[in-house]
């Protein structure tokens, strides 16, 4: 009996101790999980303390660097295997033959980036034509500066240097400024909606209104007060250099300026439409003298003359011939003719 009671007390004590650690699957608290073994922390050996006579780390690093210069340099020269390869820079765009020929001795025309506008607008090899340098080193300013293709800017510079300078010299002066009316503009022809793309949209055209001279005068290309001979010389010069020339007489869009471009057409076809009108008269024609005050009104003065003329015509008119009387008819007495008033 004593042995049974002792075993029962030990069993109850174990269950009471096991209930302190409930198993996650023991819903009713019946099962008693096995006690885990005690975990002992592992001891990690520490490094020995650095001796006092050992050199410091900062003093040792330069010595190691001096001892192995070649290995460090070789490692620096070799790219790391894990680093990605850097993208190669894009190749520089080579200058065109026109760009190389259009030097600062001919024109001040810095290059600008290519323009990619809507549709087909824009172009490549563009410059901003600011001035043209004459053979005597004088500068002809382009106001405002024109954005053009290099070929068009070169043609404008040659025209001014070789054609306009002799013209101005014949007038006793030289050219000083070019009046730029329009250059690059992304638009249709004549600014009409839906029209074909203008050469202005390709930076291949320039509208010129006039050329100012150094003495203060100006050559208005469409100014009818200018001598006809001067305007005809300009006409022949531009039509020999540009593929399209539009001025007065071509359409009413070009009555106040001259359009110049280098449009490429089949068989090198050219258009030169510019009517050089006669100069306007310098003195207005004489007007008729004023009607004197004592003169009668025009209507009153015209009535008597009209009546007298009608009476004279009536008197000069022959009398109508009398018809012969029919046979057997009775003769009627003759009535004198009377005038009817209207």
C-alpha atoms as a PDB file:
ATOM      1  CA  UNK A   1       0.000   0.000   0.000  1.00  0.00           C
ATOM      2  CA  UNK A   2       2.789   2.367   0.809  1.00  0.00           C
ATOM      3  CA  UNK A   3       4.482   1.618  -2.523  1.00  0.00           C
ATOM      4  CA  UNK A   4       1.264   2.222  -4.502  1.00  0.00           C
ATOM      5  CA  UNK A   5       0.623   5.516  -2.750  1.00  0.00           C
ATOM      6  CA  UNK A   6       4.182   6.695  -3.432  1.00  0.00           C
ATOM      7  CA  UNK A   7       3.916   5.839  -7.179  1.00  0.00           C
ATOM      8  CA  UNK A   8       0.573   7.627  -7.485  1.00  0.00           C
ATOM      9  CA  UNK A   9       1.967  10.780  -5.895  1.00  0.00           C
ATOM     10  CA  UNK A  10       4.918  10.785  -8.284  1.00  0.00           C
ATOM     11  CA  UNK A  11       2.582  10.361 -11.303  1.00  0.00           C
ATOM     12  CA  UNK A  12       0.392  13.268 -10.242  1.00  0.00           C
ATOM     13  CA  UNK A  13       3.444  15.469  -9.703  1.00  0.00           C
ATOM     14  CA  UNK A  14       4.758  14.729 -13.220  1.00  0.00           C
ATOM     15  CA  UNK A  15       1.367  15.611 -14.784  1.00  0.00           C
ATOM     16  CA  UNK A  16       1.156  18.856 -12.853  1.00  0.00           C
ATOM     17  CA  UNK A  17       4.650  19.805 -14.029  1.00  0.00           C
ATOM     18  CA  UNK A  18       3.854  18.870 -17.640  1.00  0.00           C
ATOM     19  CA  UNK A  19       0.701  21.009 -17.747  1.00  0.00           C
ATOM     20  CA  UNK A  20       2.851  24.114 -17.462  1.00  0.00           C
ATOM     21  CA  UNK A  21       4.058  23.504 -21.071  1.00  0.00           C
ATOM     22  CA  UNK A  22       0.967  22.887 -23.154  1.00  0.00           C
ATOM     23  CA  UNK A  23       1.465  21.291 -26.520  1.00  0.00           C
ATOM     24  CA  UNK A  24      -0.022  23.238 -29.494  1.00  0.00           C
ATOM     25  CA  UNK A  25      -2.006  20.112 -30.468  1.00  0.00           C
ATOM     26  CA  UNK A  26      -3.148  19.267 -26.918  1.00  0.00           C
ATOM     27  CA  UNK A  27      -6.588  20.875 -26.884  1.00  0.00           C
ATOM     28  CA  UNK A  28      -7.810  19.275 -23.640  1.00  0.00           C
ATOM     29  CA  UNK A  29      -4.492  19.375 -21.757  1.00  0.00           C
ATOM     30  CA  UNK A  30      -4.129  15.607 -21.435  1.00  0.00           C
ATOM     31  CA  UNK A  31      -0.853  14.860 -23.180  1.00  0.00           C
ATOM     32  CA  UNK A  32       2.384  15.853 -21.517  1.00  0.00           C
ATOM     33  CA  UNK A  33       5.208  16.804 -23.880  1.00  0.00           C
ATOM     34  CA  UNK A  34       8.718  15.685 -23.367  1.00  0.00           C
ATOM     35  CA  UNK A  35      10.933  18.129 -21.516  1.00  0.00           C
ATOM     36  CA  UNK A  36      13.632  19.712 -23.764  1.00  0.00           C
ATOM     37  CA  UNK A  37      17.251  19.382 -22.931  1.00  0.00           C
ATOM     38  CA  UNK A  38      18.999  22.417 -21.540  1.00  0.00           C
ATOM     39  CA  UNK A  39      20.937  24.370 -24.201  1.00  0.00           C
ATOM     40  CA  UNK A  40      24.397  25.467 -23.153  1.00  0.00           C
ATOM     41  CA  UNK A  41      25.952  28.568 -24.816  1.00  0.00           C
ATOM     42  CA  UNK A  42      29.075  27.775 -26.873  1.00  0.00           C
ATOM     43  CA  UNK A  43      32.224  29.546 -25.824  1.00  0.00           C
ATOM     44  CA  UNK A  44      34.021  31.379 -28.708  1.00  0.00           C
ATOM     45  CA  UNK A  45      37.741  31.931 -28.190  1.00  0.00           C
ATOM     46  CA  UNK A  46      38.802  35.585 -28.342  1.00  0.00           C
ATOM     47  CA  UNK A  47      41.978  36.771 -30.160  1.00  0.00           C
ATOM     48  CA  UNK A  48      45.044  37.495 -28.116  1.00  0.00           C
ATOM     49  CA  UNK A  49      45.756  41.156 -27.282  1.00  0.00           C
ATOM     50  CA  UNK A  50      48.092  43.019 -29.699  1.00  0.00           C
ATOM     51  CA  UNK A  51      51.633  43.262 -28.397  1.00  0.00           C
ATOM     52  CA  UNK A  52      52.795  46.727 -27.445  1.00  0.00           C
ATOM     53  CA  UNK A  53      55.930  46.511 -29.604  1.00  0.00           C
ATOM     54  CA  UNK A  54      53.879  45.815 -32.781  1.00  0.00           C
ATOM     55  CA  UNK A  55      53.644  48.784 -35.313  1.00  0.00           C
ATOM     56  CA  UNK A  56      50.351  50.611 -35.722  1.00  0.00           C
ATOM     57  CA  UNK A  57      47.997  49.864 -38.618  1.00  0.00           C
ATOM     58  CA  UNK A  58      48.351  53.358 -40.237  1.00  0.00           C
ATOM     59  CA  UNK A  59      52.149  53.117 -40.265  1.00  0.00           C
ATOM     60  CA  UNK A  60      52.087  49.618 -41.717  1.00  0.00           C
ATOM     61  CA  UNK A  61      49.794  50.446 -44.683  1.00  0.00           C
ATOM     62  CA  UNK A  62      52.250  52.783 -46.498  1.00  0.00           C
ATOM     63  CA  UNK A  63      55.027  50.266 -46.035  1.00  0.00           C
ATOM     64  CA  UNK A  64      52.935  47.564 -47.666  1.00  0.00           C
ATOM     65  CA  UNK A  65      51.989  49.971 -50.506  1.00  0.00           C
ATOM     66  CA  UNK A  66      55.696  50.751 -51.116  1.00  0.00           C
ATOM     67  CA  UNK A  67      56.577  47.132 -51.116  1.00  0.00           C
ATOM     68  CA  UNK A  68      54.013  46.152 -53.798  1.00  0.00           C
ATOM     69  CA  UNK A  69      53.590  49.037 -56.265  1.00  0.00           C
ATOM     70  CA  UNK A  70      53.392  46.912 -59.385  1.00  0.00           C
ATOM     71  CA  UNK A  71      50.666  44.586 -58.116  1.00  0.00           C
ATOM     72  CA  UNK A  72      48.407  47.469 -57.026  1.00  0.00           C
ATOM     73  CA  UNK A  73      48.896  49.274 -60.344  1.00  0.00           C
ATOM     74  CA  UNK A  74      48.129  46.145 -62.299  1.00  0.00           C
ATOM     75  CA  UNK A  75      44.968  45.561 -60.290  1.00  0.00           C
ATOM     76  CA  UNK A  76      43.877  49.184 -60.849  1.00  0.00           C
ATOM     77  CA  UNK A  77      44.477  48.947 -64.582  1.00  0.00           C
ATOM     78  CA  UNK A  78      42.458  45.770 -64.945  1.00  0.00           C
ATOM     79  CA  UNK A  79      38.667  46.395 -64.874  1.00  0.00           C
ATOM     80  CA  UNK A  80      36.697  44.489 -62.352  1.00  0.00           C
ATOM     81  CA  UNK A  81      35.096  41.385 -63.715  1.00  0.00           C
ATOM     82  CA  UNK A  82      31.809  42.011 -61.963  1.00  0.00           C
ATOM     83  CA  UNK A  83      31.445  45.660 -63.171  1.00  0.00           C
ATOM     84  CA  UNK A  84      29.189  46.170 -66.250  1.00  0.00           C
ATOM     85  CA  UNK A  85      30.824  47.532 -69.400  1.00  0.00           C
ATOM     86  CA  UNK A  86      30.221  51.275 -69.894  1.00  0.00           C
ATOM     87  CA  UNK A  87      28.355  52.368 -73.067  1.00  0.00           C
ATOM     88  CA  UNK A  88      30.650  53.794 -75.726  1.00  0.00           C
ATOM     89  CA  UNK A  89      30.026  57.509 -76.510  1.00  0.00           C
ATOM     90  CA  UNK A  90      28.287  58.153 -79.850  1.00  0.00           C
ATOM     91  CA  UNK A  91      30.644  59.059 -82.689  1.00  0.00           C
ATOM     92  CA  UNK A  92      30.969  62.754 -83.427  1.00  0.00           C
ATOM     93  CA  UNK A  93      29.122  63.968 -86.533  1.00  0.00           C
ATOM     94  CA  UNK A  94      31.509  64.902 -89.288  1.00  0.00           C
ATOM     95  CA  UNK A  95      31.272  68.411 -90.702  1.00  0.00           C
ATOM     96  CA  UNK A  96      29.908  68.695 -94.235  1.00  0.00           C
ATOM     97  CA  UNK A  97      31.830  70.179 -97.148  1.00  0.00           C
ATOM     98  CA  UNK A  98      29.589  73.265 -96.992  1.00  0.00           C
ATOM     99  CA  UNK A  99      30.288  73.691 -93.289  1.00  0.00           C
ATOM    100  CA  UNK A 100      34.035  73.497 -93.873  1.00  0.00           C
ATOM    101  CA  UNK A 101      33.841  76.031 -96.716  1.00  0.00           C
ATOM    102  CA  UNK A 102      31.639  78.534 -94.851  1.00  0.00           C
ATOM    103  CA  UNK A 103      34.416  79.924 -92.647  1.00  0.00           C
ATOM    104  CA  UNK A 104      34.425  83.019 -90.458  1.00  0.00           C
ATOM    105  CA  UNK A 105      36.100  84.940 -93.274  1.00  0.00           C
ATOM    106  CA  UNK A 106      32.906  84.568 -95.319  1.00  0.00           C
ATOM    107  CA  UNK A 107      30.070  84.649 -92.784  1.00  0.00           C
ATOM    108  CA  UNK A 108      29.318  84.504 -89.095  1.00  0.00           C
ATOM    109  CA  UNK A 109      27.104  81.429 -89.110  1.00  0.00           C
ATOM    110  CA  UNK A 110      27.460  79.121 -86.086  1.00  0.00           C
ATOM    111  CA  UNK A 111      26.122  75.602 -86.478  1.00  0.00           C
ATOM    112  CA  UNK A 112      22.966  74.624 -84.594  1.00  0.00           C
ATOM    113  CA  UNK A 113      21.517  71.167 -83.808  1.00  0.00           C
ATOM    114  CA  UNK A 114      19.324  69.436 -86.342  1.00  0.00           C
ATOM    115  CA  UNK A 115      15.627  70.287 -86.154  1.00  0.00           C
ATOM    116  CA  UNK A 116      13.022  67.513 -86.155  1.00  0.00           C
ATOM    117  CA  UNK A 117       9.666  69.247 -86.267  1.00  0.00           C
ATOM    118  CA  UNK A 118       6.173  67.905 -86.863  1.00  0.00           C
ATOM    119  CA  UNK A 119       5.690  66.191 -90.181  1.00  0.00           C
ATOM    120  CA  UNK A 120       8.597  66.834 -92.533  1.00  0.00           C
ATOM    121  CA  UNK A 121       9.585  70.152 -90.958  1.00  0.00           C
ATOM    122  CA  UNK A 122      13.191  70.735 -90.032  1.00  0.00           C
ATOM    123  CA  UNK A 123      16.471  69.736 -91.570  1.00  0.00           C
ATOM    124  CA  UNK A 124      20.105  68.850 -91.057  1.00  0.00           C
ATOM    125  CA  UNK A 125      23.350  70.787 -91.329  1.00  0.00           C
ATOM    126  CA  UNK A 126      21.691  73.993 -90.098  1.00  0.00           C
ATOM    127  CA  UNK A 127      23.332  77.317 -89.268  1.00  0.00           C
ATOM    128  CA  UNK A 128      22.232  80.627 -87.789  1.00  0.00           C
ATOM    129  CA  UNK A 129      23.299  83.270 -90.313  1.00  0.00           C
ATOM    130  CA  UNK A 130      24.084  86.388 -88.289  1.00  0.00           C
ATOM    131  CA  UNK A 131      26.279  88.387 -90.679  1.00  0.00           C
ATOM    132  CA  UNK A 132      28.163  88.216 -93.970  1.00  0.00           C
ATOM    133  CA  UNK A 133      31.787  89.338 -94.152  1.00  0.00           C
ATOM    134  CA  UNK A 134      32.569  91.340 -97.300  1.00  0.00           C
ATOM    135  CA  UNK A 135      35.904  91.076 -99.147  1.00  0.00           C
ATOM    136  CA  UNK A 136      37.004  94.372 -97.521  1.00  0.00           C
ATOM    137  CA  UNK A 137      36.307  92.837 -94.058  1.00  0.00           C
ATOM    138  CA  UNK A 138      33.165  94.905 -93.536  1.00  0.00           C
ATOM    139  CA  UNK A 139      30.254  93.179 -91.886  1.00  0.00           C
ATOM    140  CA  UNK A 140      26.734  93.003 -93.342  1.00  0.00           C
ATOM    141  CA  UNK A 141      24.341  92.231 -90.513  1.00  0.00           C
ATOM    142  CA  UNK A 142      21.351  89.962 -91.139  1.00  0.00           C
ATOM    143  CA  UNK A 143      18.430  91.314 -89.080  1.00  0.00           C
ATOM    144  CA  UNK A 144      17.042  89.251 -87.587  1.00  0.00           C
ATOM    145  CA  UNK A 145      19.443  86.311 -87.797  1.00  0.00           C
ATOM    146  CA  UNK A 146      18.212  83.660 -90.237  1.00  0.00           C
ATOM    147  CA  UNK A 147      18.043  79.922 -89.532  1.00  0.00           C
ATOM    148  CA  UNK A 148      18.963  78.231 -92.809  1.00  0.00           C
ATOM    149  CA  UNK A 149      20.581  75.175 -94.241  1.00  0.00           C
ATOM    150  CA  UNK A 150      24.287  75.586 -94.812  1.00  0.00           C
ATOM    151  CA  UNK A 151      23.867  75.513 -98.602  1.00  0.00           C
ATOM    152  CA  UNK A 152      21.215  78.261 -98.517  1.00  0.00           C
ATOM    153  CA  UNK A 153      23.300  80.422 -96.164  1.00  0.00           C
ATOM    154  CA  UNK A 154      26.320  79.992 -98.443  1.00  0.00           C
ATOM    155  CA  UNK A 155      24.239  81.072-101.476  1.00  0.00           C
ATOM    156  CA  UNK A 156      23.046  84.209 -99.647  1.00  0.00           C
ATOM    157  CA  UNK A 157      26.625  85.083 -98.692  1.00  0.00           C
ATOM    158  CA  UNK A 158      27.882  84.664-102.281  1.00  0.00           C
ATOM    159  CA  UNK A 159      24.993  86.772-103.616  1.00  0.00           C
ATOM    160  CA  UNK A 160      25.774  89.668-101.293  1.00  0.00           C
ATOM    161  CA  UNK A 161      29.547  89.490-101.733  1.00  0.00           C
ATOM    162  CA  UNK A 162      29.654  89.053-105.526  1.00  0.00           C
ATOM    163  CA  UNK A 163      26.478  90.751-106.830  1.00  0.00           C
ATOM    164  CA  UNK A 164      25.229  93.321-104.339  1.00  0.00           C
ATOM    165  CA  UNK A 165      28.610  94.835-103.483  1.00  0.00           C
ATOM    166  CA  UNK A 166      29.260  95.943-107.116  1.00  0.00           C
ATOM    167  CA  UNK A 167      25.711  97.308-107.308  1.00  0.00           C
ATOM    168  CA  UNK A 168      26.201  99.379-104.177  1.00  0.00           C
ATOM    169  CA  UNK A 169      29.597 100.534-105.441  1.00  0.00           C
ATOM    170  CA  UNK A 170      27.951 101.882-108.594  1.00  0.00           C
ATOM    171  CA  UNK A 171      25.708 103.946-106.319  1.00  0.00           C
ATOM    172  CA  UNK A 172      28.742 105.362-104.501  1.00  0.00           C
ATOM    173  CA  UNK A 173      28.415 103.366-101.266  1.00  0.00           C
ATOM    174  CA  UNK A 174      28.403  99.828 -99.881  1.00  0.00           C
ATOM    175  CA  UNK A 175      25.863  97.530 -98.245  1.00  0.00           C
ATOM    176  CA  UNK A 176      25.442  97.445 -94.488  1.00  0.00           C
ATOM    177  CA  UNK A 177      22.389  95.353 -93.562  1.00  0.00           C
ATOM    178  CA  UNK A 178      20.083  92.706 -95.016  1.00  0.00           C
ATOM    179  CA  UNK A 179      16.386  92.988 -94.133  1.00  0.00           C
ATOM    180  CA  UNK A 180      15.269  89.426 -93.325  1.00  0.00           C
ATOM    181  CA  UNK A 181      11.476  89.130 -93.558  1.00  0.00           C
ATOM    182  CA  UNK A 182      11.250  85.374 -92.840  1.00  0.00           C
ATOM    183  CA  UNK A 183      13.511  82.308 -92.758  1.00  0.00           C
ATOM    184  CA  UNK A 184      12.740  78.960 -91.058  1.00  0.00           C
ATOM    185  CA  UNK A 185       9.081  78.470 -90.147  1.00  0.00           C
ATOM    186  CA  UNK A 186       7.207  75.172 -90.016  1.00  0.00           C
ATOM    187  CA  UNK A 187       4.203  75.979 -92.225  1.00  0.00           C
ATOM    188  CA  UNK A 188       2.560  75.314 -95.564  1.00  0.00           C
ATOM    189  CA  UNK A 189       2.981  77.397 -98.679  1.00  0.00           C
ATOM    190  CA  UNK A 190       1.725  80.961 -98.246  1.00  0.00           C
ATOM    191  CA  UNK A 191       0.532  79.943 -94.756  1.00  0.00           C
ATOM    192  CA  UNK A 192      -2.506  78.213 -96.284  1.00  0.00           C
ATOM    193  CA  UNK A 193      -3.945  75.414 -94.138  1.00  0.00           C
ATOM    194  CA  UNK A 194      -3.523  72.032 -95.815  1.00  0.00           C
ATOM    195  CA  UNK A 195      -1.111  73.307 -98.473  1.00  0.00           C
ATOM    196  CA  UNK A 196       2.144  71.585 -99.382  1.00  0.00           C
ATOM    197  CA  UNK A 197       5.090  72.130 -97.070  1.00  0.00           C
ATOM    198  CA  UNK A 198       6.861  75.384 -97.836  1.00  0.00           C
ATOM    199  CA  UNK A 199      10.609  75.559 -98.355  1.00  0.00           C
ATOM    200  CA  UNK A 200      10.584  77.742 -95.256  1.00  0.00           C
ATOM    201  CA  UNK A 201       9.582  74.622 -93.299  1.00  0.00           C
ATOM    202  CA  UNK A 202      12.745  72.935 -94.601  1.00  0.00           C
ATOM    203  CA  UNK A 203      15.002  75.892 -93.661  1.00  0.00           C
ATOM    204  CA  UNK A 204      15.721  76.255 -97.382  1.00  0.00           C
ATOM    205  CA  UNK A 205      14.190  79.690 -98.110  1.00  0.00           C
ATOM    206  CA  UNK A 206      14.620  83.359 -97.238  1.00  0.00           C
ATOM    207  CA  UNK A 207      12.278  86.313 -97.745  1.00  0.00           C
ATOM    208  CA  UNK A 208      14.062  89.618 -98.375  1.00  0.00           C
ATOM    209  CA  UNK A 209      12.439  93.058 -98.314  1.00  0.00           C
ATOM    210  CA  UNK A 210      15.428  95.263 -98.901  1.00  0.00           C
ATOM    211  CA  UNK A 211      19.120  96.010 -98.463  1.00  0.00           C
ATOM    212  CA  UNK A 212      20.234  98.958 -96.376  1.00  0.00           C
ATOM    213  CA  UNK A 213      23.248 100.874 -97.594  1.00  0.00           C
ATOM    214  CA  UNK A 214      26.066 102.347 -95.559  1.00  0.00           C
ATOM    215  CA  UNK A 215      25.059 105.920 -96.419  1.00  0.00           C
ATOM    216  CA  UNK A 216      21.641 105.504 -94.782  1.00  0.00           C
ATOM    217  CA  UNK A 217      19.663 104.800 -97.941  1.00  0.00           C
ATOM    218  CA  UNK A 218      18.102 101.458 -98.767  1.00  0.00           C
ATOM    219  CA  UNK A 219      17.296  99.428-101.844  1.00  0.00           C
ATOM    220  CA  UNK A 220      13.669  98.349-101.524  1.00  0.00           C
ATOM    221  CA  UNK A 221      13.351  95.384-103.853  1.00  0.00           C
ATOM    222  CA  UNK A 222       9.642  96.057-104.423  1.00  0.00           C
ATOM    223  CA  UNK A 223       9.778  99.844-103.989  1.00  0.00           C
ATOM    224  CA  UNK A 224       8.532 101.478-107.209  1.00  0.00           C
ATOM    225  CA  UNK A 225      10.211 104.740-106.291  1.00  0.00           C
ATOM    226  CA  UNK A 226      13.579 103.052-106.824  1.00  0.00           C
ATOM    227  CA  UNK A 227      15.028 103.294-110.325  1.00  0.00           C
ATOM    228  CA  UNK A 228      13.884 100.490-112.577  1.00  0.00           C
ATOM    229  CA  UNK A 229      17.459  99.738-113.661  1.00  0.00           C
ATOM    230  CA  UNK A 230      18.556  99.009-110.078  1.00  0.00           C
ATOM    231  CA  UNK A 231      15.659  96.623-109.459  1.00  0.00           C
ATOM    232  CA  UNK A 232      16.273  94.839-112.756  1.00  0.00           C
ATOM    233  CA  UNK A 233      19.912  94.234-111.807  1.00  0.00           C
ATOM    234  CA  UNK A 234      18.767  92.637-108.579  1.00  0.00           C
ATOM    235  CA  UNK A 235      16.242  90.547-110.515  1.00  0.00           C
ATOM    236  CA  UNK A 236      18.854  89.133-112.893  1.00  0.00           C
ATOM    237  CA  UNK A 237      21.272  88.372-110.059  1.00  0.00           C
ATOM    238  CA  UNK A 238      18.842  86.397-107.889  1.00  0.00           C
ATOM    239  CA  UNK A 239      17.302  84.484-110.809  1.00  0.00           C
ATOM    240  CA  UNK A 240      20.770  83.261-111.818  1.00  0.00           C
ATOM    241  CA  UNK A 241      21.612  81.988-108.314  1.00  0.00           C
ATOM    242  CA  UNK A 242      18.385  80.614-106.811  1.00  0.00           C
ATOM    243  CA  UNK A 243      15.987  78.003-108.160  1.00  0.00           C
ATOM    244  CA  UNK A 244      12.855  79.910-107.047  1.00  0.00           C
ATOM    245  CA  UNK A 245      12.279  83.671-107.141  1.00  0.00           C
ATOM    246  CA  UNK A 246       8.805  85.032-106.369  1.00  0.00           C
ATOM    247  CA  UNK A 247       7.956  88.730-106.254  1.00  0.00           C
ATOM    248  CA  UNK A 248       5.304  91.193-107.395  1.00  0.00           C
ATOM    249  CA  UNK A 249       3.185  89.720-110.164  1.00  0.00           C
ATOM    250  CA  UNK A 250       3.591  86.089-109.044  1.00  0.00           C
ATOM    251  CA  UNK A 251       0.702  86.214-106.545  1.00  0.00           C
ATOM    252  CA  UNK A 252      -0.591  88.708-104.041  1.00  0.00           C
ATOM    253  CA  UNK A 253       1.372  87.003-101.227  1.00  0.00           C
ATOM    254  CA  UNK A 254       4.678  88.419-102.555  1.00  0.00           C
ATOM    255  CA  UNK A 255       3.818  92.025-103.356  1.00  0.00           C
ATOM    256  CA  UNK A 256       6.007  93.490-100.592  1.00  0.00           C
ATOM    257  CA  UNK A 257       9.018  91.119-100.545  1.00  0.00           C
ATOM    258  CA  UNK A 258      11.080  88.693-102.640  1.00  0.00           C
ATOM    259  CA  UNK A 259      11.058  84.954-101.904  1.00  0.00           C
ATOM    260  CA  UNK A 260      14.322  83.053-102.553  1.00  0.00           C
ATOM    261  CA  UNK A 261      14.921  79.312-102.163  1.00  0.00           C
ATOM    262  CA  UNK A 262      16.980  76.396-103.482  1.00  0.00           C
ATOM    263  CA  UNK A 263      14.191  73.876-104.098  1.00  0.00           C
ATOM    264  CA  UNK A 264      15.337  70.851-106.093  1.00  0.00           C
ATOM    265  CA  UNK A 265      13.173  69.998-109.098  1.00  0.00           C
ATOM    266  CA  UNK A 266      13.361  67.582-111.954  1.00  0.00           C
ATOM    267  CA  UNK A 267      15.751  68.573-114.751  1.00  0.00           C
ATOM    268  CA  UNK A 268      16.936  71.540-112.646  1.00  0.00           C
ATOM    269  CA  UNK A 269      13.711  73.418-113.399  1.00  0.00           C
ATOM    270  CA  UNK A 270      13.716  77.032-112.163  1.00  0.00           C
ATOM    271  CA  UNK A 271      10.976  79.565-111.427  1.00  0.00           C
ATOM    272  CA  UNK A 272      11.562  83.318-111.760  1.00  0.00           C
ATOM    273  CA  UNK A 273       8.354  85.328-111.388  1.00  0.00           C
ATOM    274  CA  UNK A 274       8.987  88.959-110.556  1.00  0.00           C
ATOM    275  CA  UNK A 275       7.488  91.849-112.492  1.00  0.00           C
ATOM    276  CA  UNK A 276       9.564  95.006-112.167  1.00  0.00           C
ATOM    277  CA  UNK A 277       6.830  97.638-112.409  1.00  0.00           C
ATOM    278  CA  UNK A 278       7.406 101.089-113.825  1.00  0.00           C
ATOM    279  CA  UNK A 279       8.325 103.786-111.292  1.00  0.00           C
ATOM    280  CA  UNK A 280       5.524 105.870-109.868  1.00  0.00           C
ATOM    281  CA  UNK A 281       5.281 109.462-111.174  1.00  0.00           C
ATOM    282  CA  UNK A 282       7.189 111.926-109.041  1.00  0.00           C
ATOM    283  CA  UNK A 283       4.634 114.778-109.651  1.00  0.00           C
ATOM    284  CA  UNK A 284       0.897 114.276-109.519  1.00  0.00           C
ATOM    285  CA  UNK A 285      -1.015 115.182-112.747  1.00  0.00           C
ATOM    286  CA  UNK A 286      -2.641 118.638-112.916  1.00  0.00           C
ATOM    287  CA  UNK A 287      -6.254 118.823-111.791  1.00  0.00           C
ATOM    288  CA  UNK A 288      -8.901 120.830-113.727  1.00  0.00           C
ATOM    289  CA  UNK A 289      -9.564 124.385-112.547  1.00  0.00           C
ATOM    290  CA  UNK A 290     -12.381 124.897-110.094  1.00  0.00           C
ATOM    291  CA  UNK A 291     -15.768 125.983-111.476  1.00  0.00           C
ATOM    292  CA  UNK A 292     -16.345 129.696-110.920  1.00  0.00           C
ATOM    293  CA  UNK A 293     -19.005 130.650-108.418  1.00  0.00           C
ATOM    294  CA  UNK A 294     -20.930 132.862-110.827  1.00  0.00           C
ATOM    295  CA  UNK A 295     -21.371 129.980-113.293  1.00  0.00           C
ATOM    296  CA  UNK A 296     -24.885 128.504-113.393  1.00  0.00           C
ATOM    297  CA  UNK A 297     -25.458 124.965-112.166  1.00  0.00           C
ATOM    298  CA  UNK A 298     -24.601 122.253-114.675  1.00  0.00           C
ATOM    299  CA  UNK A 299     -28.194 120.954-114.977  1.00  0.00           C
ATOM    300  CA  UNK A 300     -29.709 124.397-115.543  1.00  0.00           C
ATOM    301  CA  UNK A 301     -27.071 125.344-118.054  1.00  0.00           C
ATOM    302  CA  UNK A 302     -27.576 122.158-120.043  1.00  0.00           C
ATOM    303  CA  UNK A 303     -31.380 122.463-120.489  1.00  0.00           C
ATOM    304  CA  UNK A 304     -31.532 125.511-122.853  1.00  0.00           C
ATOM    305  CA  UNK A 305     -28.803 124.084-125.011  1.00  0.00           C
ATOM    306  CA  UNK A 306     -30.701 120.831-125.322  1.00  0.00           C
ATOM    307  CA  UNK A 307     -33.974 122.581-126.297  1.00  0.00           C
ATOM    308  CA  UNK A 308     -32.324 124.840-128.858  1.00  0.00           C
ATOM    309  CA  UNK A 309     -30.584 121.896-130.417  1.00  0.00           C
ATOM    310  CA  UNK A 310     -33.828 119.946-130.634  1.00  0.00           C
ATOM    311  CA  UNK A 311     -35.639 122.884-132.307  1.00  0.00           C
ATOM    312  CA  UNK A 312     -32.882 123.268-134.861  1.00  0.00           C
ATOM    313  CA  UNK A 313     -32.970 119.561-135.706  1.00  0.00           C
ATOM    314  CA  UNK A 314     -36.757 119.678-136.075  1.00  0.00           C
ATOM    315  CA  UNK A 315     -36.567 122.630-138.453  1.00  0.00           C
ATOM    316  CA  UNK A 316     -33.894 121.013-140.590  1.00  0.00           C
ATOM    317  CA  UNK A 317     -35.795 117.725-140.855  1.00  0.00           C
ATOM    318  CA  UNK A 318     -37.677 117.401-144.223  1.00  0.00           C
ATOM    319  CA  UNK A 319     -41.458 117.318-144.171  1.00  0.00           C
ATOM    320  CA  UNK A 320     -43.003 113.903-144.730  1.00  0.00           C
ATOM    321  CA  UNK A 321     -44.201 113.284-148.296  1.00  0.00           C
ATOM    322  CA  UNK A 322     -47.947 113.223-148.832  1.00  0.00           C
ATOM    323  CA  UNK A 323     -49.440 109.983-149.970  1.00  0.00           C
ATOM    324  CA  UNK A 324     -51.290 110.122-153.294  1.00  0.00           C
ATOM    325  CA  UNK A 325     -55.020 109.875-152.985  1.00  0.00           C
ATOM    326  CA  UNK A 326     -56.567 106.673-154.064  1.00  0.00           C
ATOM    327  CA  UNK A 327     -58.714 106.676-157.165  1.00  0.00           C
ATOM    328  CA  UNK A 328     -62.358 107.113-156.398  1.00  0.00           C
ATOM    329  CA  UNK A 329     -61.714 108.467-152.931  1.00  0.00           C
ATOM    330  CA  UNK A 330     -62.884 111.855-151.891  1.00  0.00           C
ATOM    331  CA  UNK A 331     -60.325 114.528-151.490  1.00  0.00           C
ATOM    332  CA  UNK A 332     -59.807 115.609-147.866  1.00  0.00           C
ATOM    333  CA  UNK A 333     -58.884 119.126-146.930  1.00  0.00           C
ATOM    334  CA  UNK A 334     -55.202 119.625-146.016  1.00  0.00           C
ATOM    335  CA  UNK A 335     -54.455 120.360-142.316  1.00  0.00           C
ATOM    336  CA  UNK A 336     -51.377 122.302-141.375  1.00  0.00           C
ATOM    337  CA  UNK A 337     -48.786 120.390-139.315  1.00  0.00           C
ATOM    338  CA  UNK A 338     -48.458 121.413-135.665  1.00  0.00           C
ATOM    339  CA  UNK A 339     -45.623 120.737-133.174  1.00  0.00           C
ATOM    340  CA  UNK A 340     -46.225 118.650-130.105  1.00  0.00           C
ATOM    341  CA  UNK A 341     -44.668 119.652-126.854  1.00  0.00           C
ATOM    342  CA  UNK A 342     -43.201 116.880-124.657  1.00  0.00           C
END
